[in-house]
Amino acid sequence: MSTRQSPLHPARRRAVQALAATGAATLLLVGCGSSGSSDKGSAEGSPSAASSTAAGGPAADAAGGKRTVKDATGTAVEIPAEPKRIVTLTQEDLDAVLALGLKPAGITNGQGLNEPPAYLKDKVQGIPVVGNLLQPVMDKVIAAKPDLILAGDMQDQQVLKQLREITPATLVTMAPTDDWKLSFRGIGNAVNKLDQANKVIADYDAKAAKAGGELGENKGKAVSIVRWNPTGPSWMEKKQFASGVALDMGLTRPQAQDKDGNAHTPALSLEKINEIDGDWLFLSTLTDDGKAALKDVQSKPAYQELNAVKNNHTVTVDGSVWSTRGGPLAADVVIGDIGKALGAK
């Protein structure tokens, strides 16, 4: 089972801050408007007027040509103009590819899972699983015959080297502080569907705003978003995926959680449990140990004294959706969860 924890822990985030400050992940969007791309569009937050190179332009594309893009680390990578066999190594990459109407040739299990994420289960039936999250089994990757590998936020250089021996068209798709919309646009460009990616995001923005406007007396309420770990609760910062969805719906965060960043706090002790309080409390776990720890604390006075608990405003949600880096399909789940809990009755 993968030990990757997402979103990025603050200590790890600081270690890579210099890289993130350069906006390296936006370089994945360098293919926008290339002469070899059938999809053209602007990239929000991307470098100005950057473009990829294509081998022979549109005619070459039709014949199976190549494009060159830069991935989230700034590495220039030659990829097929129209990739046909895509392997995804994270559920964020998988979410993005499925949202663009593509069927990957290989996938990995979800975060904290030994199977694909439940919210994508119906869409991935019959697709070979090539390993756990960011832990591909190379023989299985080879068997999938990829012409493009989307490697998420892979930082293991040895694994990347092995993947690039399978196909040089291996892209790191996420930098440490990227939000899901930026990464999704980059993946859209990599698979030559940037226009479609921009439309998906526009549709999401409209849906989030509409759903937020239908919350009745709960419009603008402060929502606490918490993952319960074996050692205690961690609340999510404002730019973390699910937090961003809540904000896009016009909701707010409790004062203690009104902090920028896309990470989560270290696990809190019972003495600091008041930090997780809010008008509404959304709780998730990723492991059986986390579930057991949550069940145990629910009988303790410190937990029972939370206002959200006393008002019966606690909601249990899927950690493999809410605690991830996110994507369009996951965002749709979060909107639905919030709407169901807070919507006007």
Protein backbone atom coordinates (compact mmCIF):
# COMPACT_ATOMS: atom_id res chain seq x y z
CA MET A 1 0.00 0.00 0.00
CA SER A 2 1.31 3.45 -0.83
CA THR A 3 2.62 5.58 1.99
CA ARG A 4 2.27 8.80 0.02
CA GLN A 5 0.38 11.39 1.98
CA SER A 6 -1.36 14.16 0.12
CA PRO A 7 -1.72 17.11 0.29
CA LEU A 8 1.92 18.03 0.87
CA HIS A 9 3.08 18.17 4.48
CA PRO A 10 4.38 21.66 5.46
CA ALA A 11 7.94 20.44 6.15
CA ARG A 12 8.23 18.85 2.72
CA ARG A 13 6.65 21.90 1.14
CA ARG A 14 9.27 24.21 2.62
CA ALA A 15 12.03 21.96 1.32
CA VAL A 16 10.82 22.46 -2.21
CA GLN A 17 9.67 26.09 -1.91
CA ALA A 18 12.44 27.38 -4.15
CA LEU A 19 11.30 25.10 -6.94
CA ALA A 20 7.66 25.97 -6.44
CA ALA A 21 8.41 29.69 -6.44
CA THR A 22 9.58 29.47 -10.02
CA GLY A 23 6.20 28.18 -11.10
CA ALA A 24 7.89 25.16 -12.62
CA ALA A 25 4.65 23.23 -12.93
CA THR A 26 3.22 25.86 -15.24
CA LEU A 27 5.86 24.90 -17.77
CA LEU A 28 3.81 21.81 -18.52
CA LEU A 29 1.49 24.19 -20.31
CA VAL A 30 4.24 25.25 -22.71
CA GLY A 31 2.54 23.23 -25.47
CA CYS A 32 -0.42 25.60 -25.64
CA GLY A 33 -1.12 26.75 -29.16
CA SER A 34 1.62 24.70 -30.80
CA SER A 35 1.52 24.27 -34.53
CA GLY A 36 1.02 20.57 -33.96
CA SER A 37 -1.94 20.90 -31.61
CA SER A 38 -5.55 20.73 -32.65
CA ASP A 39 -6.59 22.33 -29.33
CA LYS A 40 -5.66 25.95 -28.71
CA GLY A 41 -6.31 28.00 -25.61
CA SER A 42 -4.81 30.22 -22.97
CA ALA A 43 -3.25 28.78 -19.84
CA GLU A 44 -4.14 30.55 -16.64
CA GLY A 45 -0.99 31.26 -14.66
CA SER A 46 1.32 29.99 -17.40
CA PRO A 47 4.40 31.75 -18.76
CA SER A 48 3.63 34.37 -21.38
CA ALA A 49 3.19 33.26 -24.97
CA ALA A 50 5.16 30.03 -24.58
CA SER A 51 4.72 27.30 -27.19
CA SER A 52 5.88 23.78 -27.87
CA THR A 53 7.63 22.58 -30.96
CA ALA A 54 6.05 19.99 -33.24
CA ALA A 55 7.71 17.65 -35.68
CA GLY A 56 6.33 18.73 -39.02
CA GLY A 57 3.21 20.66 -37.90
CA PRO A 58 -0.39 19.54 -38.48
CA ALA A 59 0.45 17.09 -41.26
CA ALA A 60 2.91 15.34 -39.01
CA ASP A 61 0.25 15.14 -36.28
CA ALA A 62 -2.09 13.31 -38.60
CA ALA A 63 0.68 10.85 -39.35
CA GLY A 64 1.51 10.32 -35.68
CA GLY A 65 4.02 13.14 -35.12
CA LYS A 66 5.61 14.45 -31.97
CA ARG A 67 5.35 17.51 -29.76
CA THR A 68 7.76 18.80 -27.15
CA VAL A 69 6.46 20.07 -23.81
CA LYS A 70 8.07 20.85 -20.48
CA ASP A 71 6.81 18.96 -17.48
CA ALA A 72 6.26 20.24 -13.94
CA THR A 73 10.01 20.08 -13.21
CA GLY A 74 10.89 22.11 -16.30
CA THR A 75 12.20 19.06 -18.15
CA ALA A 76 11.61 19.14 -21.92
CA VAL A 77 9.92 15.94 -23.00
CA GLU A 78 9.03 14.75 -26.50
CA ILE A 79 5.58 13.16 -26.52
CA PRO A 80 3.22 11.80 -29.17
CA ALA A 81 1.08 14.49 -30.76
CA GLU A 82 -1.94 12.27 -30.12
CA PRO A 83 -1.11 9.76 -27.36
CA LYS A 84 -3.09 6.53 -27.57
CA ARG A 85 -1.88 4.42 -24.63
CA ILE A 86 -1.66 6.51 -21.47
CA VAL A 87 -0.57 5.09 -18.12
CA THR A 88 -1.46 7.14 -15.01
CA LEU A 89 0.51 6.74 -11.78
CA THR A 90 -1.71 8.82 -9.47
CA GLN A 91 -5.45 9.10 -9.04
CA GLU A 92 -5.16 12.81 -9.86
CA ASP A 93 -3.75 11.92 -13.29
CA LEU A 94 -6.42 9.26 -13.68
CA ASP A 95 -9.18 11.67 -12.69
CA ALA A 96 -7.92 14.19 -15.25
CA VAL A 97 -7.66 11.70 -18.11
CA LEU A 98 -11.13 10.31 -17.46
CA ALA A 99 -12.58 13.83 -17.23
CA LEU A 100 -11.21 14.46 -20.72
CA GLY A 101 -13.03 11.41 -22.08
CA LEU A 102 -9.95 9.20 -22.46
CA LYS A 103 -9.50 5.60 -21.34
CA PRO A 104 -6.02 4.91 -19.97
CA ALA A 105 -4.08 1.76 -20.76
CA GLY A 106 -2.92 1.31 -17.16
CA ILE A 107 -3.63 2.83 -13.74
CA THR A 108 -2.49 2.60 -10.13
CA ASN A 109 -4.47 2.07 -6.95
CA GLY A 110 -5.84 5.03 -5.04
CA GLN A 111 -4.27 6.89 -2.14
CA GLY A 112 -4.18 4.66 0.93
CA LEU A 113 -5.96 1.89 -1.03
CA ASN A 114 -5.16 -1.48 -2.57
CA GLU A 115 -7.71 -0.85 -5.31
CA PRO A 116 -8.66 2.05 -7.56
CA PRO A 117 -10.56 4.93 -5.91
CA ALA A 118 -14.20 4.05 -5.28
CA TYR A 119 -15.49 7.22 -6.95
CA LEU A 120 -13.82 6.19 -10.21
CA LYS A 121 -14.53 2.45 -9.95
CA ASP A 122 -17.28 2.33 -12.57
CA LYS A 123 -15.07 4.17 -15.06
CA VAL A 124 -11.98 1.95 -14.77
CA GLN A 125 -13.42 -1.55 -14.95
CA GLY A 126 -11.21 -3.76 -17.07
CA ILE A 127 -8.23 -1.37 -17.05
CA PRO A 128 -5.01 -3.09 -15.87
CA VAL A 129 -3.65 -1.95 -12.50
CA VAL A 130 0.13 -1.48 -12.79
CA GLY A 131 0.93 -0.91 -9.11
CA ASN A 132 0.12 1.22 -6.09
CA LEU A 133 0.09 4.99 -6.00
CA LEU A 134 3.49 6.24 -7.28
CA GLN A 135 4.81 2.68 -6.86
CA PRO A 136 4.56 1.18 -10.33
CA VAL A 137 5.52 -2.43 -11.00
CA MET A 138 7.76 -2.04 -14.04
CA ASP A 139 6.83 -5.32 -15.69
CA LYS A 140 3.18 -4.33 -15.52
CA VAL A 141 3.92 -0.89 -16.93
CA ILE A 142 5.79 -2.51 -19.82
CA ALA A 143 2.84 -4.85 -20.45
CA ALA A 144 0.56 -1.81 -20.79
CA LYS A 145 2.70 -0.63 -23.75
CA PRO A 146 2.42 3.09 -22.89
CA ASP A 147 3.21 5.84 -25.33
CA LEU A 148 2.71 8.42 -22.52
CA ILE A 149 3.19 8.03 -18.76
CA LEU A 150 1.69 10.65 -16.43
CA ALA A 151 3.79 10.41 -13.27
CA GLY A 152 2.01 12.82 -10.94
CA ASP A 153 4.34 14.36 -8.37
CA MET A 154 6.89 11.55 -8.62
CA GLN A 155 10.18 12.62 -7.04
CA ASP A 156 12.04 9.31 -7.02
CA GLN A 157 14.66 9.85 -9.71
CA GLN A 158 15.51 6.15 -9.95
CA VAL A 159 11.87 5.28 -10.66
CA LEU A 160 11.62 8.09 -13.19
CA LYS A 161 14.75 6.79 -14.92
CA GLN A 162 13.20 3.32 -15.19
CA LEU A 163 9.94 4.75 -16.50
CA ARG A 164 11.77 6.79 -19.14
CA GLU A 165 13.51 3.64 -20.29
CA ILE A 166 10.05 2.22 -20.95
CA THR A 167 9.03 5.38 -22.77
CA PRO A 168 10.85 8.74 -22.87
CA ALA A 169 7.37 10.31 -22.92
CA THR A 170 7.11 10.33 -19.12
CA LEU A 171 5.82 13.53 -17.54
CA VAL A 172 5.86 14.74 -13.95
CA THR A 173 2.48 16.47 -13.94
CA MET A 174 2.41 18.23 -10.55
CA ALA A 175 4.77 20.55 -8.71
CA PRO A 176 4.45 20.64 -4.91
CA THR A 177 2.25 23.74 -4.64
CA ASP A 178 0.19 23.40 -7.84
CA ASP A 179 -3.57 23.46 -7.48
CA TRP A 180 -5.66 20.91 -9.34
CA LYS A 181 -6.83 23.32 -12.03
CA LEU A 182 -3.27 24.16 -13.08
CA SER A 183 -2.24 20.52 -13.16
CA PHE A 184 -5.39 19.59 -15.04
CA ARG A 185 -4.75 22.19 -17.72
CA GLY A 186 -1.22 20.87 -18.08
CA ILE A 187 -2.47 17.31 -18.53
CA GLY A 188 -5.07 18.60 -20.98
CA ASN A 189 -2.29 20.14 -23.03
CA ALA A 190 -0.18 16.98 -22.85
CA VAL A 191 -2.99 14.88 -24.33
CA ASN A 192 -3.80 17.60 -26.89
CA LYS A 193 -7.14 18.52 -25.30
CA LEU A 194 -6.48 21.91 -23.75
CA ASP A 195 -9.68 23.49 -25.10
CA GLN A 196 -11.67 20.68 -23.55
CA ALA A 197 -9.80 21.05 -20.25
CA ASN A 198 -10.60 24.76 -20.14
CA LYS A 199 -14.28 23.98 -20.75
CA VAL A 200 -14.30 21.38 -17.95
CA ILE A 201 -12.93 23.98 -15.54
CA ALA A 202 -15.42 26.62 -16.69
CA ASP A 203 -18.25 24.13 -16.17
CA TYR A 204 -16.90 23.30 -12.71
CA ASP A 205 -16.70 26.97 -11.73
CA ALA A 206 -20.31 27.49 -12.80
CA LYS A 207 -21.50 24.37 -10.98
CA ALA A 208 -19.68 25.30 -7.75
CA ALA A 209 -21.13 28.80 -7.77
CA LYS A 210 -24.65 27.51 -8.47
CA ALA A 211 -24.43 24.83 -5.76
CA GLY A 212 -23.14 27.38 -3.26
CA GLY A 213 -26.06 29.64 -4.02
CA GLU A 214 -28.49 26.85 -3.19
CA LEU A 215 -27.33 26.27 0.39
CA GLY A 216 -30.09 28.36 1.95
CA GLU A 217 -29.31 29.35 5.53
CA ASN A 218 -25.93 27.61 5.24
CA LYS A 219 -24.61 29.97 2.56
CA GLY A 220 -21.24 31.34 3.63
CA LYS A 221 -20.96 29.10 6.69
CA ALA A 222 -17.54 28.19 8.11
CA VAL A 223 -16.65 24.61 7.20
CA SER A 224 -13.89 22.68 8.91
CA ILE A 225 -12.16 20.10 6.69
CA VAL A 226 -10.28 17.47 8.67
CA ARG A 227 -8.46 14.22 8.05
CA TRP A 228 -8.23 11.95 11.08
CA ASN A 229 -4.88 10.20 11.34
CA PRO A 230 -3.92 7.43 13.76
CA THR A 231 -2.19 10.11 15.89
CA GLY A 232 -4.96 12.71 15.71
CA PRO A 233 -6.72 15.20 13.42
CA SER A 234 -5.14 17.41 10.75
CA TRP A 235 -7.07 20.28 9.24
CA MET A 236 -6.61 21.34 5.63
CA GLU A 237 -5.25 24.72 4.60
CA LYS A 238 -7.26 27.02 2.33
CA LYS A 239 -5.59 26.10 -0.97
CA GLN A 240 -5.85 22.37 -0.40
CA PHE A 241 -8.15 20.76 -2.93
CA ALA A 242 -11.38 20.22 -0.94
CA SER A 243 -10.87 23.54 0.84
CA GLY A 244 -10.69 25.27 -2.52
CA VAL A 245 -13.92 23.65 -3.66
CA ALA A 246 -15.67 24.87 -0.51
CA LEU A 247 -14.38 28.40 -1.11
CA ASP A 248 -15.50 28.24 -4.75
CA MET A 249 -18.97 27.49 -3.38
CA GLY A 250 -18.86 30.70 -1.34
CA LEU A 251 -18.26 28.96 1.98
CA THR A 252 -15.65 30.12 4.48
CA ARG A 253 -13.17 28.47 6.86
CA PRO A 254 -13.10 28.75 10.65
CA GLN A 255 -10.77 31.47 11.93
CA ALA A 256 -8.22 28.92 13.16
CA GLN A 257 -8.11 27.36 9.68
CA ASP A 258 -8.02 30.58 7.67
CA LYS A 259 -4.48 29.94 6.49
CA ASP A 260 -3.06 29.96 2.96
CA GLY A 261 -1.29 26.85 1.73
CA ASN A 262 -2.15 23.53 0.07
CA ALA A 263 -1.01 21.28 2.91
CA HIS A 264 -2.43 20.01 6.18
CA THR A 265 -1.36 20.62 9.76
CA PRO A 266 0.55 18.09 11.82
CA ALA A 267 -1.74 15.85 13.84
CA LEU A 268 -3.27 17.82 16.71
CA SER A 269 -3.47 16.72 20.31
CA LEU A 270 -6.76 16.65 22.24
CA GLU A 271 -5.67 19.89 23.91
CA LYS A 272 -5.85 21.64 20.53
CA ILE A 273 -8.92 19.88 19.18
CA ASN A 274 -10.91 23.12 19.29
CA GLU A 275 -8.98 24.11 16.12
CA ILE A 276 -11.11 21.68 14.13
CA ASP A 277 -14.42 23.25 15.20
CA GLY A 278 -16.64 25.14 12.76
CA ASP A 279 -20.24 25.63 11.74
CA TRP A 280 -19.87 22.29 9.94
CA LEU A 281 -17.22 19.62 10.36
CA PHE A 282 -16.26 17.33 7.45
CA LEU A 283 -14.26 14.33 8.64
CA SER A 284 -12.29 11.84 6.55
CA THR A 285 -9.79 9.04 7.11
CA LEU A 286 -7.36 7.20 4.84
CA THR A 287 -6.47 4.10 6.84
CA ASP A 288 -8.12 1.60 9.16
CA ASP A 289 -5.95 2.94 11.99
CA GLY A 290 -7.28 6.41 11.29
CA LYS A 291 -10.86 5.14 11.40
CA ALA A 292 -10.18 3.44 14.73
CA ALA A 293 -8.63 6.62 16.17
CA LEU A 294 -11.65 8.67 15.08
CA LYS A 295 -14.08 6.18 16.59
CA ASP A 296 -12.15 6.24 19.85
CA VAL A 297 -12.09 10.02 20.19
CA GLN A 298 -15.81 10.40 19.50
CA SER A 299 -16.57 9.19 23.02
CA LYS A 300 -14.25 11.72 24.67
CA PRO A 301 -15.54 14.98 26.24
CA ALA A 302 -13.13 17.17 24.25
CA TYR A 303 -14.69 15.95 20.99
CA GLN A 304 -18.25 16.04 22.29
CA GLU A 305 -17.84 19.69 23.34
CA LEU A 306 -17.18 20.87 19.76
CA ASN A 307 -20.01 23.10 18.56
CA ALA A 308 -20.30 21.23 15.28
CA VAL A 309 -20.72 17.97 17.20
CA LYS A 310 -23.27 19.41 19.63
CA ASN A 311 -25.28 20.81 16.70
CA ASN A 312 -25.12 17.49 14.82
CA HIS A 313 -23.21 19.22 12.03
CA THR A 314 -20.56 16.55 11.46
CA VAL A 315 -20.28 14.78 8.12
CA THR A 316 -18.13 11.74 7.30
CA VAL A 317 -16.64 11.86 3.79
CA ASP A 318 -14.29 9.77 1.64
CA GLY A 319 -10.67 10.59 2.45
CA SER A 320 -9.49 9.18 -0.88
CA VAL A 321 -11.39 12.08 -2.47
CA TRP A 322 -11.28 14.90 0.07
CA SER A 323 -7.65 14.44 1.17
CA THR A 324 -6.08 14.26 -2.29
CA ARG A 325 -4.63 16.82 -4.72
CA GLY A 326 -7.92 16.56 -6.61
CA GLY A 327 -9.29 16.76 -10.12
CA PRO A 328 -12.56 17.57 -11.91
CA LEU A 329 -14.34 14.32 -11.05
CA ALA A 330 -13.25 14.49 -7.41
CA ALA A 331 -14.40 18.12 -7.29
CA ASP A 332 -17.82 17.00 -8.47
CA VAL A 333 -17.96 14.53 -5.54
CA VAL A 334 -17.02 17.25 -3.03
CA ILE A 335 -19.67 19.62 -4.40
CA GLY A 336 -22.22 16.82 -4.10
CA ASP A 337 -21.16 15.96 -0.53
CA ILE A 338 -21.39 19.57 0.61
CA GLY A 339 -24.68 20.15 -1.18
CA LYS A 340 -26.23 17.05 0.37
CA ALA A 341 -25.16 18.03 3.88
CA LEU A 342 -25.76 21.77 3.79
CA GLY A 343 -28.38 22.17 1.09
CA ALA A 344 -31.74 23.73 1.84
CA LYS A 345 -34.11 21.06 3.04
